[in-house]
Amino acid sequence: MNVGENIRRLRVDKKITQSELAEIVGISQAMLCQIERGTKNPSLQIGKEISDALGCTIDELLCEDTDDDKPADPNQTTKGA
């Protein structure tokens, strides 16, 4: 996932619209749309505002992998446990 996809996922999980998040952060809804689509990258300041509004860290916005994307640990078994 890229930054925009992470922002969108977190925003949707919190049931916040693009317009609401954009207003909280102080950017236009069109700018937030571009960030979520990956055509624009947020500045560090905007990234911080977005992470604060979504209740996460900047690292969570930047994270390439989520637990869902990671392959299962081949050493961990569930059968016969």
N, C-alpha and C. Protein backbone atom coordinates (compact mmCIF):
# COMPACT_ATOMS: atom_id res chain seq x y z
N MET A 1 0.84 -1.19 0.00
CA MET A 1 0.00 0.00 0.00
C MET A 1 0.88 1.24 0.00
N ASN A 2 0.36 2.28 -0.61
CA ASN A 2 1.07 3.55 -0.55
C ASN A 2 0.41 4.47 0.47
N VAL A 3 0.97 5.64 0.64
CA VAL A 3 0.46 6.58 1.65
C VAL A 3 -1.02 6.88 1.42
N GLY A 4 -1.38 7.18 0.20
CA GLY A 4 -2.78 7.50 -0.11
C GLY A 4 -3.73 6.37 0.21
N GLU A 5 -3.32 5.14 -0.14
CA GLU A 5 -4.17 3.98 0.17
C GLU A 5 -4.32 3.80 1.67
N ASN A 6 -3.24 4.02 2.40
CA ASN A 6 -3.30 3.91 3.87
C ASN A 6 -4.23 4.96 4.45
N ILE A 7 -4.13 6.19 3.95
CA ILE A 7 -5.01 7.26 4.43
C ILE A 7 -6.46 6.90 4.16
N ARG A 8 -6.74 6.45 2.95
CA ARG A 8 -8.12 6.10 2.59
C ARG A 8 -8.64 4.97 3.48
N ARG A 9 -7.84 3.91 3.66
CA ARG A 9 -8.26 2.79 4.49
C ARG A 9 -8.56 3.23 5.92
N LEU A 10 -7.67 4.02 6.50
CA LEU A 10 -7.87 4.50 7.87
C LEU A 10 -9.08 5.43 7.96
N ARG A 11 -9.25 6.28 6.96
CA ARG A 11 -10.39 7.21 6.95
C ARG A 11 -11.71 6.45 6.87
N VAL A 12 -11.76 5.48 5.98
CA VAL A 12 -12.98 4.68 5.81
C VAL A 12 -13.26 3.88 7.08
N ASP A 13 -12.21 3.31 7.68
CA ASP A 13 -12.38 2.56 8.93
C ASP A 13 -12.99 3.43 10.03
N LYS A 14 -12.64 4.71 10.04
CA LYS A 14 -13.15 5.65 11.05
C LYS A 14 -14.49 6.28 10.63
N LYS A 15 -14.97 5.89 9.44
CA LYS A 15 -16.25 6.41 8.92
C LYS A 15 -16.24 7.93 8.78
N ILE A 16 -15.13 8.44 8.25
CA ILE A 16 -14.97 9.88 8.00
C ILE A 16 -14.98 10.09 6.49
N THR A 17 -15.73 11.06 6.03
CA THR A 17 -15.75 11.35 4.59
C THR A 17 -14.51 12.13 4.20
N GLN A 18 -14.23 12.14 2.90
CA GLN A 18 -13.12 12.95 2.40
C GLN A 18 -13.32 14.41 2.77
N SER A 19 -14.53 14.91 2.61
CA SER A 19 -14.81 16.31 2.92
C SER A 19 -14.56 16.62 4.39
N GLU A 20 -14.99 15.72 5.27
CA GLU A 20 -14.79 15.93 6.70
C GLU A 20 -13.30 15.95 7.06
N LEU A 21 -12.55 14.97 6.54
CA LEU A 21 -11.12 14.92 6.85
C LEU A 21 -10.40 16.13 6.27
N ALA A 22 -10.74 16.50 5.06
CA ALA A 22 -10.11 17.66 4.43
C ALA A 22 -10.35 18.92 5.25
N GLU A 23 -11.57 19.09 5.75
CA GLU A 23 -11.89 20.26 6.57
C GLU A 23 -11.09 20.26 7.87
N ILE A 24 -11.01 19.11 8.51
CA ILE A 24 -10.24 19.00 9.76
C ILE A 24 -8.78 19.36 9.53
N VAL A 25 -8.23 18.88 8.42
CA VAL A 25 -6.81 19.06 8.12
C VAL A 25 -6.52 20.44 7.55
N GLY A 26 -7.52 21.05 6.94
CA GLY A 26 -7.33 22.38 6.37
C GLY A 26 -6.87 22.37 4.92
N ILE A 27 -7.29 21.32 4.19
CA ILE A 27 -7.00 21.25 2.76
C ILE A 27 -8.32 21.06 2.02
N SER A 28 -8.28 21.18 0.72
CA SER A 28 -9.50 20.97 -0.06
C SER A 28 -9.79 19.49 -0.20
N GLN A 29 -11.05 19.18 -0.43
CA GLN A 29 -11.44 17.78 -0.66
C GLN A 29 -10.76 17.27 -1.92
N ALA A 30 -10.59 18.13 -2.92
CA ALA A 30 -9.92 17.73 -4.17
C ALA A 30 -8.46 17.35 -3.90
N MET A 31 -7.79 18.09 -3.03
CA MET A 31 -6.40 17.77 -2.69
C MET A 31 -6.33 16.43 -1.96
N LEU A 32 -7.24 16.19 -1.02
CA LEU A 32 -7.26 14.92 -0.31
C LEU A 32 -7.52 13.78 -1.29
N CYS A 33 -8.40 13.99 -2.23
CA CYS A 33 -8.69 12.99 -3.26
C CYS A 33 -7.42 12.65 -4.03
N GLN A 34 -6.66 13.66 -4.41
CA GLN A 34 -5.41 13.43 -5.14
C GLN A 34 -4.39 12.67 -4.29
N ILE A 35 -4.34 12.99 -3.01
CA ILE A 35 -3.43 12.29 -2.10
C ILE A 35 -3.83 10.82 -2.00
N GLU A 36 -5.12 10.56 -1.82
CA GLU A 36 -5.59 9.19 -1.70
C GLU A 36 -5.38 8.39 -2.99
N ARG A 37 -5.49 9.04 -4.13
CA ARG A 37 -5.26 8.36 -5.42
C ARG A 37 -3.78 8.16 -5.71
N GLY A 38 -2.92 8.86 -4.97
CA GLY A 38 -1.50 8.72 -5.17
C GLY A 38 -0.92 9.64 -6.23
N THR A 39 -1.72 10.61 -6.70
CA THR A 39 -1.20 11.55 -7.70
C THR A 39 -0.49 12.73 -7.04
N LYS A 40 -0.71 12.93 -5.75
CA LYS A 40 -0.01 13.96 -4.97
C LYS A 40 0.45 13.33 -3.67
N ASN A 41 1.58 13.78 -3.16
CA ASN A 41 2.05 13.36 -1.85
C ASN A 41 1.84 14.50 -0.87
N PRO A 42 1.38 14.18 0.34
CA PRO A 42 1.19 15.24 1.33
C PRO A 42 2.54 15.75 1.83
N SER A 43 2.58 17.02 2.19
CA SER A 43 3.77 17.55 2.85
C SER A 43 3.87 16.89 4.22
N LEU A 44 5.00 17.03 4.86
CA LEU A 44 5.18 16.48 6.20
C LEU A 44 4.16 17.06 7.16
N GLN A 45 3.92 18.36 7.05
CA GLN A 45 2.95 19.03 7.93
C GLN A 45 1.53 18.48 7.71
N ILE A 46 1.14 18.34 6.45
CA ILE A 46 -0.19 17.80 6.14
C ILE A 46 -0.27 16.34 6.59
N GLY A 47 0.80 15.58 6.38
CA GLY A 47 0.83 14.19 6.84
C GLY A 47 0.62 14.10 8.34
N LYS A 48 1.25 15.00 9.08
CA LYS A 48 1.09 15.03 10.54
C LYS A 48 -0.35 15.39 10.92
N GLU A 49 -0.92 16.37 10.23
CA GLU A 49 -2.31 16.75 10.50
C GLU A 49 -3.26 15.58 10.21
N ILE A 50 -3.02 14.88 9.11
CA ILE A 50 -3.86 13.73 8.75
C ILE A 50 -3.71 12.63 9.79
N SER A 51 -2.48 12.33 10.18
CA SER A 51 -2.28 11.26 11.17
C SER A 51 -2.95 11.62 12.50
N ASP A 52 -2.86 12.88 12.91
CA ASP A 52 -3.53 13.31 14.14
C ASP A 52 -5.05 13.15 14.02
N ALA A 53 -5.59 13.56 12.88
CA ALA A 53 -7.04 13.48 12.67
C ALA A 53 -7.52 12.04 12.64
N LEU A 54 -6.68 11.13 12.13
CA LEU A 54 -7.07 9.72 12.03
C LEU A 54 -6.66 8.91 13.25
N GLY A 55 -5.98 9.55 14.20
CA GLY A 55 -5.58 8.86 15.42
C GLY A 55 -4.53 7.79 15.19
N CYS A 56 -3.58 8.07 14.29
CA CYS A 56 -2.52 7.12 14.02
C CYS A 56 -1.19 7.85 13.97
N THR A 57 -0.13 7.12 13.73
CA THR A 57 1.18 7.73 13.61
C THR A 57 1.51 7.97 12.14
N ILE A 58 2.47 8.82 11.90
CA ILE A 58 2.94 9.03 10.52
C ILE A 58 3.50 7.73 9.98
N ASP A 59 4.16 6.95 10.83
CA ASP A 59 4.69 5.65 10.39
C ASP A 59 3.58 4.77 9.83
N GLU A 60 2.40 4.81 10.45
CA GLU A 60 1.29 4.00 9.95
C GLU A 60 0.84 4.46 8.57
N LEU A 61 0.95 5.75 8.30
CA LEU A 61 0.60 6.26 6.97
C LEU A 61 1.63 5.84 5.93
N LEU A 62 2.88 5.74 6.36
CA LEU A 62 3.97 5.42 5.44
C LEU A 62 4.18 3.92 5.24
N CYS A 63 3.65 3.13 6.15
CA CYS A 63 3.88 1.69 6.14
C CYS A 63 3.47 1.06 4.81
N GLU A 64 4.40 0.33 4.22
CA GLU A 64 4.11 -0.35 2.95
C GLU A 64 3.27 -1.60 3.16
N ASP A 65 3.54 -2.33 4.22
CA ASP A 65 2.87 -3.60 4.46
C ASP A 65 1.95 -3.51 5.65
N THR A 66 0.80 -4.15 5.53
CA THR A 66 -0.08 -4.32 6.68
C THR A 66 -0.05 -5.79 7.05
N ASP A 67 -0.56 -6.16 8.18
CA ASP A 67 -0.57 -7.56 8.60
C ASP A 67 -1.29 -8.44 7.59
N ASP A 68 -2.31 -7.89 6.91
CA ASP A 68 -3.06 -8.66 5.92
C ASP A 68 -2.21 -8.99 4.71
N ASP A 69 -1.22 -8.15 4.41
CA ASP A 69 -0.40 -8.33 3.22
C ASP A 69 0.78 -9.25 3.46
N LYS A 70 1.14 -9.46 4.72
CA LYS A 70 2.33 -10.24 5.03
C LYS A 70 2.02 -11.73 4.90
N PRO A 71 2.99 -12.49 4.36
CA PRO A 71 2.76 -13.94 4.27
C PRO A 71 2.77 -14.55 5.66
N ALA A 72 2.06 -15.64 5.81
CA ALA A 72 2.00 -16.33 7.09
C ALA A 72 3.38 -16.86 7.44
N ASP A 73 3.68 -16.93 8.72
CA ASP A 73 4.94 -17.45 9.20
C ASP A 73 4.94 -18.97 8.95
N PRO A 74 5.87 -19.46 8.12
CA PRO A 74 5.86 -20.90 7.82
C PRO A 74 6.21 -21.77 9.02
N ASN A 75 6.81 -21.18 10.05
CA ASN A 75 7.16 -21.94 11.25
C ASN A 75 6.00 -22.06 12.24
N GLN A 76 4.95 -21.29 11.99
CA GLN A 76 3.80 -21.29 12.89
C GLN A 76 2.73 -22.22 12.31
N THR A 77 2.29 -23.17 13.08
CA THR A 77 1.26 -24.10 12.60
C THR A 77 0.00 -23.96 13.44
N THR A 78 -1.10 -24.26 12.80
CA THR A 78 -2.38 -24.23 13.52
C THR A 78 -2.94 -25.63 13.65
N LYS A 79 -2.45 -26.57 12.82
CA LYS A 79 -2.93 -27.95 12.90
C LYS A 79 -2.27 -28.67 14.06
N GLY A 80 -3.05 -29.44 14.77
CA GLY A 80 -2.53 -30.25 15.85
C GLY A 80 -2.06 -29.47 17.06
N ALA A 81 -2.43 -28.21 17.15
CA ALA A 81 -1.98 -27.40 18.27
C ALA A 81 -2.80 -27.66 19.49
